[in-house]
């Protein structure tokens, strides 16, 4: 019995202290793919870190634990999720995934000392006096102009139509897209048609839009569940032009929902391509696939949030319990980017869009869907 007790004690002493990182986002309903890729990316990376001995910050090596909360795309639940994180003493949270959720949790985050990394685009979340939110991806008002410019120059696009769900996120993205298109000299032929997210027959919704015969149809802020339905309806109505969106999509959902009709669909992809992916990125994809039986392309972007949090904490270990120190570190922070070949760096950007560094630097990868998978259309950067 004494020997058994001694063994148990030695194992307990060998365990690393736990550093909890939160996730509050949507993992159910039509937009579930967005949050699922967040949660899975975090869990994959945490398991990898723990398997290889933990993560050293200052003089302490930690095991990483991901604490997740499904907000069901409901702002009230997002607030409850952020309050749960505060109760557990968590200062760093990834999410929420939509605009109204990210805006709703701001008071809790600022009152409770939480830095959060939303995948939401309202500029007021990242512009002073706001200071606790960090945009985890490229925003639509950054990707939209890049996509439209590329299609204007390379595909001869001159006219564009927009359609959006009757919700705050898509409507905001539509308005930003319209402004960007007009700034590039494109003619906007339709921008006032909306639909309810539970729509099952998009033919009557799309008919007046298709009648305008645009060169490009933009599905503003479209959820992964609605995208294939809209694409299928547009093609069945005879639309021959290009279709794009500034939101990330899921190739499996497109294949199952629209099949060959989705070929040529343009969307923002994960922040990696075969040409720039490092061995670490390839191992991440392998581990993710092994854990969950499939891989979500946008996890090429979602892998970054946890990495940024941990590397910034490593730069100033005192920030583990003090987000003000984390914020102070962000202006000069720089670390090697493990997921890209060459000498790419992790750093905070956003000065051009927000007047302060409140965005992670990830490559802007724009994809085109073809025969069941995404192919890279072009790669750009955001300041």
Protein backbone atom coordinates (compact mmCIF):
# COMPACT_ATOMS: atom_id res chain seq x y z
CA UNK A 1 0.00 0.00 0.00
CA UNK A 2 2.84 2.40 0.81
CA UNK A 3 4.40 1.78 -2.57
CA UNK A 4 1.12 2.54 -4.32
CA UNK A 5 0.70 5.75 -2.37
CA UNK A 6 4.22 6.84 -3.24
CA UNK A 7 3.60 6.22 -6.94
CA UNK A 8 0.36 8.18 -6.90
CA UNK A 9 2.05 11.11 -5.16
CA UNK A 10 4.93 11.23 -7.62
CA UNK A 11 2.49 11.30 -10.56
CA UNK A 12 0.55 14.15 -8.96
CA UNK A 13 3.73 16.13 -8.41
CA UNK A 14 4.77 15.61 -12.03
CA UNK A 15 1.58 17.10 -13.44
CA UNK A 16 1.78 20.63 -14.84
CA UNK A 17 -0.46 23.38 -13.52
CA UNK A 18 -3.39 24.08 -15.84
CA UNK A 19 -3.87 27.28 -17.84
CA UNK A 20 -7.49 27.63 -18.94
CA UNK A 21 -8.35 29.38 -22.21
CA UNK A 22 -12.01 29.94 -23.05
CA UNK A 23 -14.12 29.64 -26.16
CA UNK A 24 -17.55 31.27 -26.43
CA UNK A 25 -19.14 30.80 -29.83
CA UNK A 26 -21.74 29.12 -32.00
CA UNK A 27 -21.47 25.34 -32.34
CA UNK A 28 -25.10 24.55 -33.18
CA UNK A 29 -27.58 25.75 -35.80
CA UNK A 30 -26.98 27.08 -39.36
CA UNK A 31 -23.72 28.86 -38.45
CA UNK A 32 -22.31 25.98 -36.40
CA UNK A 33 -19.38 25.35 -38.75
CA UNK A 34 -17.83 28.69 -37.79
CA UNK A 35 -17.63 27.92 -34.07
CA UNK A 36 -16.95 24.21 -34.44
CA UNK A 37 -13.77 24.98 -36.38
CA UNK A 38 -12.74 27.37 -33.57
CA UNK A 39 -13.32 24.83 -30.81
CA UNK A 40 -11.73 21.95 -32.69
CA UNK A 41 -8.67 24.01 -33.60
CA UNK A 42 -8.16 24.99 -29.97
CA UNK A 43 -8.67 21.46 -28.70
CA UNK A 44 -6.31 20.02 -31.32
CA UNK A 45 -3.56 22.49 -30.49
CA UNK A 46 -4.04 22.10 -26.72
CA UNK A 47 -3.83 18.30 -26.94
CA UNK A 48 -0.68 18.63 -29.06
CA UNK A 49 0.93 20.98 -26.54
CA UNK A 50 0.02 18.78 -23.59
CA UNK A 51 1.22 15.62 -25.32
CA UNK A 52 4.63 17.19 -25.92
CA UNK A 53 5.16 18.33 -22.31
CA UNK A 54 3.17 21.52 -21.95
CA UNK A 55 3.72 25.21 -22.69
CA UNK A 56 6.36 27.20 -20.82
CA UNK A 57 5.53 30.78 -19.83
CA UNK A 58 8.16 32.39 -17.66
CA UNK A 59 9.36 29.83 -15.11
CA UNK A 60 6.24 27.68 -15.29
CA UNK A 61 5.19 24.99 -17.73
CA UNK A 62 1.42 24.65 -18.13
CA UNK A 63 -0.99 22.13 -19.53
CA UNK A 64 -3.59 23.93 -21.64
CA UNK A 65 -7.29 23.32 -20.99
CA UNK A 66 -9.96 24.62 -23.36
CA UNK A 67 -13.23 25.61 -21.65
CA UNK A 68 -15.99 25.86 -24.27
CA UNK A 69 -19.48 27.37 -24.28
CA UNK A 70 -22.01 27.12 -27.13
CA UNK A 71 -23.75 30.49 -27.37
CA UNK A 72 -26.14 29.19 -30.06
CA UNK A 73 -25.66 32.49 -31.93
CA UNK A 74 -27.71 34.16 -29.20
CA UNK A 75 -26.25 37.39 -27.70
CA UNK A 76 -27.81 36.66 -24.30
CA UNK A 77 -26.18 33.24 -24.20
CA UNK A 78 -22.89 34.79 -25.31
CA UNK A 79 -23.05 37.09 -22.28
CA UNK A 80 -23.78 34.10 -20.05
CA UNK A 81 -20.80 32.30 -21.59
CA UNK A 82 -18.46 35.20 -20.93
CA UNK A 83 -19.72 35.47 -17.34
CA UNK A 84 -18.99 31.76 -16.91
CA UNK A 85 -15.43 32.38 -18.09
CA UNK A 86 -15.04 35.20 -15.57
CA UNK A 87 -16.34 32.96 -12.77
CA UNK A 88 -13.69 30.38 -13.66
CA UNK A 89 -10.95 33.01 -13.57
CA UNK A 90 -10.32 32.85 -17.33
CA UNK A 91 -8.81 36.03 -18.78
CA UNK A 92 -8.42 34.95 -22.42
CA UNK A 93 -11.35 33.84 -24.59
CA UNK A 94 -11.70 33.05 -28.29
CA UNK A 95 -15.01 34.14 -29.89
CA UNK A 96 -17.85 34.99 -30.31
CA UNK A 97 -18.33 34.29 -34.03
CA UNK A 98 -20.92 36.92 -34.98
CA UNK A 99 -21.28 40.69 -34.70
CA UNK A 100 -24.11 41.00 -32.19
CA UNK A 101 -22.62 38.36 -29.88
CA UNK A 102 -19.22 40.04 -29.92
CA UNK A 103 -20.79 43.41 -29.18
CA UNK A 104 -22.96 41.99 -26.41
CA UNK A 105 -20.07 40.54 -24.41
CA UNK A 106 -17.95 43.69 -24.52
CA UNK A 107 -19.18 45.14 -21.18
CA UNK A 108 -18.54 41.84 -19.37
CA UNK A 109 -15.10 41.45 -20.92
CA UNK A 110 -14.05 44.97 -19.99
CA UNK A 111 -15.51 44.79 -16.47
CA UNK A 112 -14.03 41.35 -15.70
CA UNK A 113 -10.61 41.83 -17.30
CA UNK A 114 -10.98 39.46 -20.26
CA UNK A 115 -9.25 39.75 -23.62
CA UNK A 116 -11.40 38.16 -26.29
CA UNK A 117 -10.73 37.27 -29.92
CA UNK A 118 -14.00 37.57 -31.90
CA UNK A 119 -14.63 36.59 -35.50
CA UNK A 120 -16.87 39.61 -35.95
CA UNK A 121 -16.39 42.78 -37.93
CA UNK A 122 -17.85 45.93 -36.26
CA UNK A 123 -15.03 48.47 -36.15
CA UNK A 124 -16.20 49.91 -32.83
CA UNK A 125 -15.12 46.68 -31.10
CA UNK A 126 -11.50 47.32 -32.04
CA UNK A 127 -11.36 51.12 -32.10
CA UNK A 128 -10.55 53.20 -29.01
CA UNK A 129 -11.87 53.48 -26.38
CA UNK A 130 -12.54 49.73 -26.86
CA UNK A 131 -9.40 47.80 -25.96
CA UNK A 132 -10.26 44.21 -24.99
CA UNK A 133 -11.26 42.72 -28.36
CA UNK A 134 -8.83 41.44 -31.00
CA UNK A 135 -10.14 40.58 -34.47
CA UNK A 136 -9.17 36.96 -35.14
CA UNK A 137 -9.45 37.04 -38.93
CA UNK A 138 -9.57 39.32 -41.96
CA UNK A 139 -12.70 41.51 -41.97
CA UNK A 140 -15.16 41.73 -44.87
CA UNK A 141 -14.25 45.40 -45.44
CA UNK A 142 -10.67 44.22 -45.94
CA UNK A 143 -11.35 41.07 -47.98
CA UNK A 144 -14.26 42.44 -50.03
CA UNK A 145 -12.26 45.13 -51.83
CA UNK A 146 -9.48 42.62 -52.53
CA UNK A 147 -11.93 40.11 -54.05
CA UNK A 148 -13.81 42.68 -56.12
CA UNK A 149 -10.59 44.24 -57.40
CA UNK A 150 -9.25 40.83 -58.42
CA UNK A 151 -12.48 39.91 -60.22
CA UNK A 152 -12.68 43.29 -61.94
CA UNK A 153 -9.12 43.05 -63.23
CA UNK A 154 -8.94 39.32 -63.95
CA UNK A 155 -12.54 38.38 -64.84
CA UNK A 156 -13.93 41.59 -66.31
CA UNK A 157 -16.57 42.06 -63.61
CA UNK A 158 -18.37 45.39 -64.01
CA UNK A 159 -21.76 44.89 -62.33
CA UNK A 160 -22.51 43.37 -58.93
CA UNK A 161 -25.62 42.43 -56.95
CA UNK A 162 -25.87 41.76 -53.22
CA UNK A 163 -28.25 39.58 -51.21
CA UNK A 164 -28.18 39.19 -47.43
CA UNK A 165 -30.02 37.53 -44.58
CA UNK A 166 -32.22 39.91 -42.60
CA UNK A 167 -29.86 39.93 -39.60
CA UNK A 168 -27.39 42.50 -38.31
CA UNK A 169 -24.20 40.69 -39.37
CA UNK A 170 -25.09 40.01 -43.02
CA UNK A 171 -26.73 43.43 -43.45
CA UNK A 172 -23.62 45.13 -42.09
CA UNK A 173 -21.41 43.10 -44.40
CA UNK A 174 -23.67 43.91 -47.34
CA UNK A 175 -23.41 47.65 -46.66
CA UNK A 176 -19.63 47.38 -46.41
CA UNK A 177 -19.51 45.39 -49.64
CA UNK A 178 -21.66 47.90 -51.50
CA UNK A 179 -19.40 50.76 -50.41
CA UNK A 180 -16.28 48.83 -51.43
CA UNK A 181 -17.73 47.89 -54.83
CA UNK A 182 -18.76 51.45 -55.57
CA UNK A 183 -15.34 52.74 -54.51
CA UNK A 184 -13.79 50.44 -57.14
CA UNK A 185 -16.07 51.83 -59.84
CA UNK A 186 -18.35 48.78 -60.05
CA UNK A 187 -22.03 49.29 -60.79
CA UNK A 188 -24.26 47.93 -58.02
CA UNK A 189 -27.45 46.71 -59.73
CA UNK A 190 -29.23 45.27 -56.66
CA UNK A 191 -28.58 45.75 -52.94
CA UNK A 192 -31.94 45.68 -51.14
CA UNK A 193 -33.09 42.04 -51.31
CA UNK A 194 -33.01 40.11 -48.03
CA UNK A 195 -34.17 36.71 -46.77
CA UNK A 196 -34.96 35.02 -43.46
CA UNK A 197 -32.33 32.55 -42.24
CA UNK A 198 -34.90 29.75 -42.04
CA UNK A 199 -35.87 30.13 -45.70
CA UNK A 200 -36.08 26.81 -47.54
CA UNK A 201 -37.10 28.02 -51.03
CA UNK A 202 -34.80 30.76 -52.29
CA UNK A 203 -36.24 30.91 -55.81
CA UNK A 204 -38.74 33.74 -55.18
CA UNK A 205 -36.11 35.63 -53.16
CA UNK A 206 -33.44 35.41 -55.83
CA UNK A 207 -35.61 35.92 -58.91
CA UNK A 208 -35.59 39.75 -58.87
CA UNK A 209 -31.84 39.77 -58.18
CA UNK A 210 -31.04 37.43 -61.07
CA UNK A 211 -33.18 39.58 -63.40
CA UNK A 212 -30.63 42.39 -62.99
CA UNK A 213 -28.09 40.09 -64.71
CA UNK A 214 -25.04 41.00 -62.58
CA UNK A 215 -21.55 39.82 -63.47
CA UNK A 216 -21.07 38.99 -59.78
CA UNK A 217 -23.59 37.89 -57.15
CA UNK A 218 -22.37 38.50 -53.58
CA UNK A 219 -23.89 36.45 -50.76
CA UNK A 220 -23.18 38.88 -47.94
CA UNK A 221 -22.35 37.25 -44.59
CA UNK A 222 -23.89 33.97 -45.74
CA UNK A 223 -23.86 31.08 -43.26
CA UNK A 224 -22.38 27.72 -44.30
CA UNK A 225 -25.87 26.19 -44.20
CA UNK A 226 -27.52 28.79 -46.45
CA UNK A 227 -24.71 29.11 -49.01
CA UNK A 228 -25.35 25.89 -50.96
CA UNK A 229 -29.10 26.57 -51.03
CA UNK A 230 -28.59 30.04 -52.49
CA UNK A 231 -26.02 28.81 -54.99
CA UNK A 232 -28.27 25.97 -56.16
CA UNK A 233 -31.27 28.28 -56.57
CA UNK A 234 -29.25 30.89 -58.48
CA UNK A 235 -27.88 28.31 -60.90
CA UNK A 236 -31.28 26.66 -61.37
CA UNK A 237 -32.66 30.10 -62.26
CA UNK A 238 -30.08 30.23 -65.03
CA UNK A 239 -27.54 32.56 -63.45
CA UNK A 240 -24.22 32.13 -65.28
CA UNK A 241 -22.11 34.77 -63.51
CA UNK A 242 -19.70 34.57 -60.61
CA UNK A 243 -20.85 34.05 -57.01
CA UNK A 244 -18.79 35.10 -53.98
CA UNK A 245 -18.88 35.77 -50.25
CA UNK A 246 -16.57 37.30 -47.64
CA UNK A 247 -17.37 34.64 -45.06
CA UNK A 248 -15.54 31.34 -44.63
CA UNK A 249 -17.31 28.24 -45.92
CA UNK A 250 -17.19 24.47 -45.53
CA UNK A 251 -16.33 22.39 -48.62
CA UNK A 252 -18.20 19.34 -47.32
CA UNK A 253 -21.41 21.33 -46.79
CA UNK A 254 -21.10 22.84 -50.28
CA UNK A 255 -20.53 19.44 -51.85
CA UNK A 256 -23.48 17.85 -50.06
CA UNK A 257 -25.83 20.81 -50.57
CA UNK A 258 -25.01 22.04 -54.07
CA UNK A 259 -22.66 19.52 -55.71
CA UNK A 260 -21.26 20.61 -59.08
CA UNK A 261 -23.45 23.73 -59.02
CA UNK A 262 -21.07 25.14 -56.39
CA UNK A 263 -18.09 24.96 -58.77
CA UNK A 264 -16.56 28.41 -59.16
CA UNK A 265 -17.93 29.73 -55.84
CA UNK A 266 -15.46 32.20 -54.30
CA UNK A 267 -15.01 32.62 -50.54
CA UNK A 268 -12.47 33.65 -47.95
CA UNK A 269 -10.44 30.58 -47.00
CA UNK A 270 -8.25 29.50 -44.16
CA UNK A 271 -4.97 31.35 -43.74
CA UNK A 272 -2.87 28.71 -45.44
CA UNK A 273 -2.23 27.16 -48.83
CA UNK A 274 -0.08 24.17 -49.80
CA UNK A 275 2.52 26.63 -51.07
CA UNK A 276 2.96 28.44 -47.75
CA UNK A 277 2.04 25.74 -45.21
CA UNK A 278 4.88 24.75 -42.88
CA UNK A 279 5.49 21.26 -41.52
CA UNK A 280 3.80 22.39 -38.29
CA UNK A 281 0.66 23.37 -40.22
CA UNK A 282 0.66 20.00 -41.97
CA UNK A 283 1.00 18.24 -38.61
CA UNK A 284 -1.84 20.36 -37.20
CA UNK A 285 -4.10 19.27 -40.06
CA UNK A 286 -3.14 15.61 -39.50
CA UNK A 287 -3.80 15.82 -35.76
CA UNK A 288 -7.11 17.66 -36.26
CA UNK A 289 -8.27 15.10 -38.82
CA UNK A 290 -7.28 12.22 -36.54
CA UNK A 291 -9.16 13.76 -33.58
CA UNK A 292 -12.37 14.63 -35.42
CA UNK A 293 -12.48 12.45 -38.53
CA UNK A 294 -12.54 15.43 -40.90
CA UNK A 295 -10.88 18.78 -41.46
CA UNK A 296 -12.48 22.23 -41.79
CA UNK A 297 -10.54 24.50 -44.14
CA UNK A 298 -11.21 27.64 -42.15
CA UNK A 299 -9.31 26.07 -39.24
CA UNK A 300 -6.23 27.23 -41.17
CA UNK A 301 -7.26 30.63 -39.80
CA UNK A 302 -8.79 29.49 -36.50
CA UNK A 303 -5.54 27.79 -35.37
CA UNK A 304 -3.97 31.20 -34.87
CA UNK A 305 -5.96 32.67 -31.96
CA UNK A 306 -4.67 30.28 -29.29
CA UNK A 307 -1.14 30.61 -30.64
CA UNK A 308 -1.29 34.41 -30.41
CA UNK A 309 -2.62 34.27 -26.85
CA UNK A 310 0.08 31.89 -25.63
CA UNK A 311 2.95 33.58 -27.43
CA UNK A 312 1.93 37.00 -26.12
CA UNK A 313 1.72 35.61 -22.59
CA UNK A 314 5.18 34.15 -23.07
CA UNK A 315 6.42 37.62 -24.03
CA UNK A 316 5.20 38.94 -20.64
CA UNK A 317 4.27 36.21 -18.14
CA UNK A 318 2.70 38.81 -15.83
CA UNK A 319 -0.09 39.14 -18.37
CA UNK A 320 -1.53 35.76 -17.33
CA UNK A 321 -3.54 37.57 -14.65
CA UNK A 322 -3.38 41.14 -15.99
CA UNK A 323 -4.80 41.91 -19.43
CA UNK A 324 -3.45 45.48 -19.25
CA UNK A 325 0.04 44.00 -19.49
CA UNK A 326 -1.12 41.89 -22.43
CA UNK A 327 -2.39 45.04 -24.17
CA UNK A 328 0.89 46.84 -23.49
CA UNK A 329 2.81 43.98 -25.10
CA UNK A 330 0.73 43.96 -28.29
CA UNK A 331 2.24 47.08 -29.88
CA UNK A 332 5.74 45.63 -30.10
CA UNK A 333 4.96 41.90 -30.02
CA UNK A 334 6.58 39.70 -32.62
CA UNK A 335 7.21 35.96 -32.72
CA UNK A 336 7.94 33.33 -35.35
CA UNK A 337 4.90 32.08 -37.24
CA UNK A 338 5.01 28.29 -36.86
CA UNK A 339 2.37 27.69 -39.52
CA UNK A 340 4.02 29.38 -42.51
CA UNK A 341 7.20 28.59 -44.38
CA UNK A 342 10.06 31.08 -44.29
CA UNK A 343 10.49 33.89 -41.79
CA UNK A 344 6.84 34.88 -41.38
CA UNK A 345 5.96 36.52 -38.05
CA UNK A 346 3.09 36.57 -35.61
CA UNK A 347 2.28 40.23 -34.95
CA UNK A 348 -0.70 42.42 -34.29
CA UNK A 349 -2.02 44.67 -37.05
CA UNK A 350 -5.14 46.76 -37.63
CA UNK A 351 -3.75 50.29 -37.41
CA UNK A 352 -5.15 51.20 -40.85
CA UNK A 353 -8.66 49.96 -40.03
CA UNK A 354 -8.91 50.67 -36.29
CA UNK A 355 -6.24 53.18 -35.36
CA UNK A 356 -4.65 50.63 -33.01
CA UNK A 357 -3.27 47.11 -33.19
CA UNK A 358 -6.31 45.00 -32.45
CA UNK A 359 -6.13 42.33 -35.15
CA UNK A 360 -4.02 39.21 -35.61
CA UNK A 361 -1.89 39.12 -38.76
CA UNK A 362 -3.04 36.16 -40.81
CA UNK A 363 -2.74 35.81 -44.58
CA UNK A 364 -5.83 36.71 -46.60
CA UNK A 365 -6.43 33.55 -48.61
CA UNK A 366 -9.25 33.66 -51.16
CA UNK A 367 -10.50 30.30 -52.40
CA UNK A 368 -12.54 29.01 -55.30
CA UNK A 369 -14.58 25.82 -54.83
CA UNK A 370 -14.06 23.13 -57.46
CA UNK A 371 -15.22 19.50 -57.49
CA UNK A 372 -15.50 19.01 -53.76
CA UNK A 373 -12.56 21.03 -52.53
CA UNK A 374 -11.19 24.55 -52.25
CA UNK A 375 -8.40 25.76 -54.51
CA UNK A 376 -6.41 28.93 -53.88
CA UNK A 377 -7.45 31.89 -56.03
CA UNK A 378 -4.99 34.41 -54.53
CA UNK A 379 -3.20 35.37 -51.30
CA UNK A 380 -2.88 38.91 -49.87
CA UNK A 381 -1.98 40.69 -46.61
CA UNK A 382 -3.75 43.15 -44.31
CA UNK A 383 -2.01 46.01 -42.48
